[in-house]
Amino acid sequence: MKTSKHEIEKAKWIKNIKEFNESGLTVREWCKTKGITHGSYYYWLKVIKEEALIKAGTLAVTGQTQFVEVKPTIATDVKLKASNQGTCAILRSNGNEIEIINGADPNTLELILNFIEK
């Protein structure tokens, strides 16, 4: 199966964004060291987030991007649950709740958890 140019670029940028998150630099500083424009960084960050949301089924069919601020706290309640509905975990923090279904896409989970970490 052939991988599209978009998928190859996306995979490269997922690694780049992870590297940036671990760098401790500002976006402009990191981009300068890599010879990348900060516009490219923000473009791919948006593309990756939107595709992750679409994959998770949370982006409106209209294509309108909607954001919600998630502020995790130290006292996050993680409840593992054996359920006949296929739920493997529910993460609760500050009145927000994320339900993880058995068989959830690992890449999407990684993106969401990395996003919540920030």
C-alpha atoms as a PDB file:
ATOM      1  CA  MET A   1       0.000   0.000   0.000  1.00  0.00           C
ATOM      2  CA  LYS A   2       1.410   3.362  -1.030  1.00  0.00           C
ATOM      3  CA  THR A   3       1.673   6.129   1.538  1.00  0.00           C
ATOM      4  CA  SER A   4       0.634   9.529   0.274  1.00  0.00           C
ATOM      5  CA  LYS A   5       3.008  12.495   0.354  1.00  0.00           C
ATOM      6  CA  HIS A   6       0.679  14.115   2.920  1.00  0.00           C
ATOM      7  CA  GLU A   7       0.950  11.115   5.258  1.00  0.00           C
ATOM      8  CA  ILE A   8       4.756  11.112   4.960  1.00  0.00           C
ATOM      9  CA  GLU A   9       4.912  14.847   5.758  1.00  0.00           C
ATOM     10  CA  LYS A  10       2.429  14.416   8.609  1.00  0.00           C
ATOM     11  CA  ALA A  11       4.539  11.641  10.156  1.00  0.00           C
ATOM     12  CA  LYS A  12       7.625  13.867   9.887  1.00  0.00           C
ATOM     13  CA  TRP A  13       5.789  16.755  11.547  1.00  0.00           C
ATOM     14  CA  ILE A  14       4.402  14.600  14.359  1.00  0.00           C
ATOM     15  CA  LYS A  15       8.048  13.788  15.199  1.00  0.00           C
ATOM     16  CA  ASN A  16       9.020  17.468  14.816  1.00  0.00           C
ATOM     17  CA  ILE A  17       6.238  18.629  17.145  1.00  0.00           C
ATOM     18  CA  LYS A  18       7.154  15.998  19.720  1.00  0.00           C
ATOM     19  CA  GLU A  19      10.780  17.126  19.491  1.00  0.00           C
ATOM     20  CA  PHE A  20       9.726  20.768  19.925  1.00  0.00           C
ATOM     21  CA  ASN A  21       7.608  19.902  22.984  1.00  0.00           C
ATOM     22  CA  GLU A  22      10.629  18.265  24.583  1.00  0.00           C
ATOM     23  CA  SER A  23      13.051  21.084  23.637  1.00  0.00           C
ATOM     24  CA  GLY A  24      12.025  23.746  26.162  1.00  0.00           C
ATOM     25  CA  LEU A  25      12.437  26.401  23.467  1.00  0.00           C
ATOM     26  CA  THR A  26       9.878  28.859  22.137  1.00  0.00           C
ATOM     27  CA  VAL A  27       8.367  28.044  18.739  1.00  0.00           C
ATOM     28  CA  ARG A  28      10.410  30.800  17.078  1.00  0.00           C
ATOM     29  CA  GLU A  29      13.665  29.660  18.725  1.00  0.00           C
ATOM     30  CA  TRP A  30      13.102  26.010  17.835  1.00  0.00           C
ATOM     31  CA  CYS A  31      12.094  26.804  14.244  1.00  0.00           C
ATOM     32  CA  LYS A  32      15.182  28.990  13.789  1.00  0.00           C
ATOM     33  CA  THR A  33      17.481  26.173  14.951  1.00  0.00           C
ATOM     34  CA  LYS A  34      15.789  23.776  12.510  1.00  0.00           C
ATOM     35  CA  GLY A  35      15.598  26.183   9.575  1.00  0.00           C
ATOM     36  CA  ILE A  36      11.805  25.912   9.559  1.00  0.00           C
ATOM     37  CA  THR A  37       9.388  28.823   9.333  1.00  0.00           C
ATOM     38  CA  HIS A  38       7.125  29.195  12.345  1.00  0.00           C
ATOM     39  CA  GLY A  39       4.233  29.428   9.871  1.00  0.00           C
ATOM     40  CA  SER A  40       4.992  25.861   8.732  1.00  0.00           C
ATOM     41  CA  TYR A  41       5.079  24.703  12.334  1.00  0.00           C
ATOM     42  CA  TYR A  42       1.673  26.215  13.108  1.00  0.00           C
ATOM     43  CA  TYR A  43       0.192  24.944   9.830  1.00  0.00           C
ATOM     44  CA  TRP A  44       1.198  21.342  10.555  1.00  0.00           C
ATOM     45  CA  LEU A  45       0.191  21.611  14.206  1.00  0.00           C
ATOM     46  CA  LYS A  46      -3.318  22.634  13.054  1.00  0.00           C
ATOM     47  CA  VAL A  47      -3.458  19.876  10.402  1.00  0.00           C
ATOM     48  CA  ILE A  48      -2.384  17.183  12.872  1.00  0.00           C
ATOM     49  CA  LYS A  49      -4.806  18.335  15.575  1.00  0.00           C
ATOM     50  CA  GLU A  50      -7.737  18.553  13.138  1.00  0.00           C
ATOM     51  CA  GLU A  51      -7.038  15.110  11.676  1.00  0.00           C
ATOM     52  CA  ALA A  52      -6.777  13.637  15.174  1.00  0.00           C
ATOM     53  CA  LEU A  53     -10.129  15.215  16.087  1.00  0.00           C
ATOM     54  CA  ILE A  54     -11.741  13.966  12.880  1.00  0.00           C
ATOM     55  CA  LYS A  55     -10.382  10.482  13.562  1.00  0.00           C
ATOM     56  CA  ALA A  56     -11.769  10.690  17.094  1.00  0.00           C
ATOM     57  CA  GLY A  57     -15.130  11.815  15.671  1.00  0.00           C
ATOM     58  CA  THR A  58     -15.215  15.154  17.454  1.00  0.00           C
ATOM     59  CA  LEU A  59     -14.858  17.643  14.582  1.00  0.00           C
ATOM     60  CA  ALA A  60     -18.171  18.933  13.332  1.00  0.00           C
ATOM     61  CA  VAL A  61     -19.244  17.717   9.907  1.00  0.00           C
ATOM     62  CA  THR A  62     -19.360  21.354   8.830  1.00  0.00           C
ATOM     63  CA  GLY A  63     -15.586  21.499   9.029  1.00  0.00           C
ATOM     64  CA  GLN A  64     -15.668  24.238  11.646  1.00  0.00           C
ATOM     65  CA  THR A  65     -12.856  23.799  14.145  1.00  0.00           C
ATOM     66  CA  GLN A  66     -13.919  24.103  17.756  1.00  0.00           C
ATOM     67  CA  PHE A  67     -11.529  24.257  20.668  1.00  0.00           C
ATOM     68  CA  VAL A  68     -12.060  23.751  24.352  1.00  0.00           C
ATOM     69  CA  GLU A  69      -9.465  24.583  26.967  1.00  0.00           C
ATOM     70  CA  VAL A  70      -8.443  21.590  29.057  1.00  0.00           C
ATOM     71  CA  LYS A  71      -6.561  22.346  32.265  1.00  0.00           C
ATOM     72  CA  PRO A  72      -5.382  19.171  33.981  1.00  0.00           C
ATOM     73  CA  THR A  73      -4.744  19.277  37.702  1.00  0.00           C
ATOM     74  CA  ILE A  74      -2.468  17.181  39.836  1.00  0.00           C
ATOM     75  CA  ALA A  75      -5.449  15.466  41.428  1.00  0.00           C
ATOM     76  CA  THR A  76      -6.700  13.824  38.235  1.00  0.00           C
ATOM     77  CA  ASP A  77      -9.119  10.992  38.887  1.00  0.00           C
ATOM     78  CA  VAL A  78      -8.323   8.043  36.637  1.00  0.00           C
ATOM     79  CA  LYS A  79     -10.865   5.302  36.934  1.00  0.00           C
ATOM     80  CA  LEU A  80     -10.349   2.003  35.168  1.00  0.00           C
ATOM     81  CA  LYS A  81     -13.601   0.353  34.451  1.00  0.00           C
ATOM     82  CA  ALA A  82     -14.548  -3.053  33.189  1.00  0.00           C
ATOM     83  CA  SER A  83     -17.631  -2.355  31.176  1.00  0.00           C
ATOM     84  CA  ASN A  84     -19.874  -4.259  28.886  1.00  0.00           C
ATOM     85  CA  GLN A  85     -20.030  -1.079  26.761  1.00  0.00           C
ATOM     86  CA  GLY A  86     -16.362  -1.323  25.749  1.00  0.00           C
ATOM     87  CA  THR A  87     -15.028   1.509  27.918  1.00  0.00           C
ATOM     88  CA  CYS A  88     -11.517   0.784  29.145  1.00  0.00           C
ATOM     89  CA  ALA A  89     -10.846   4.034  31.088  1.00  0.00           C
ATOM     90  CA  ILE A  90     -12.386   7.355  32.045  1.00  0.00           C
ATOM     91  CA  LEU A  91     -10.127  10.317  32.825  1.00  0.00           C
ATOM     92  CA  ARG A  92     -11.696  13.082  34.928  1.00  0.00           C
ATOM     93  CA  SER A  93     -10.150  16.453  35.742  1.00  0.00           C
ATOM     94  CA  ASN A  94     -11.672  19.847  36.624  1.00  0.00           C
ATOM     95  CA  GLY A  95     -15.142  18.749  35.609  1.00  0.00           C
ATOM     96  CA  ASN A  96     -13.916  17.484  32.215  1.00  0.00           C
ATOM     97  CA  GLU A  97     -14.172  13.863  31.236  1.00  0.00           C
ATOM     98  CA  ILE A  98     -12.488  11.777  28.545  1.00  0.00           C
ATOM     99  CA  GLU A  99     -13.830   8.290  27.954  1.00  0.00           C
ATOM    100  CA  ILE A 100     -11.440   5.880  26.251  1.00  0.00           C
ATOM    101  CA  ILE A 101     -13.107   3.055  24.380  1.00  0.00           C
ATOM    102  CA  ASN A 102     -11.511  -0.360  23.948  1.00  0.00           C
ATOM    103  CA  GLY A 103      -9.710  -0.438  20.614  1.00  0.00           C
ATOM    104  CA  ALA A 104      -9.132   3.340  20.507  1.00  0.00           C
ATOM    105  CA  ASP A 105      -6.466   4.389  18.011  1.00  0.00           C
ATOM    106  CA  PRO A 106      -3.104   4.540  19.863  1.00  0.00           C
ATOM    107  CA  ASN A 107      -1.816   7.465  17.763  1.00  0.00           C
ATOM    108  CA  THR A 108      -4.902   9.541  18.534  1.00  0.00           C
ATOM    109  CA  LEU A 109      -4.617   8.712  22.242  1.00  0.00           C
ATOM    110  CA  GLU A 110      -0.952   9.717  22.221  1.00  0.00           C
ATOM    111  CA  LEU A 111      -1.761  13.068  20.586  1.00  0.00           C
ATOM    112  CA  ILE A 112      -4.581  13.770  23.048  1.00  0.00           C
ATOM    113  CA  LEU A 113      -2.510  12.809  26.093  1.00  0.00           C
ATOM    114  CA  ASN A 114       0.453  14.894  24.864  1.00  0.00           C
ATOM    115  CA  PHE A 115      -1.925  17.819  24.338  1.00  0.00           C
ATOM    116  CA  ILE A 116      -3.390  17.437  27.831  1.00  0.00           C
ATOM    117  CA  GLU A 117       0.126  17.271  29.351  1.00  0.00           C
ATOM    118  CA  LYS A 118       0.856  20.843  28.239  1.00  0.00           C
END
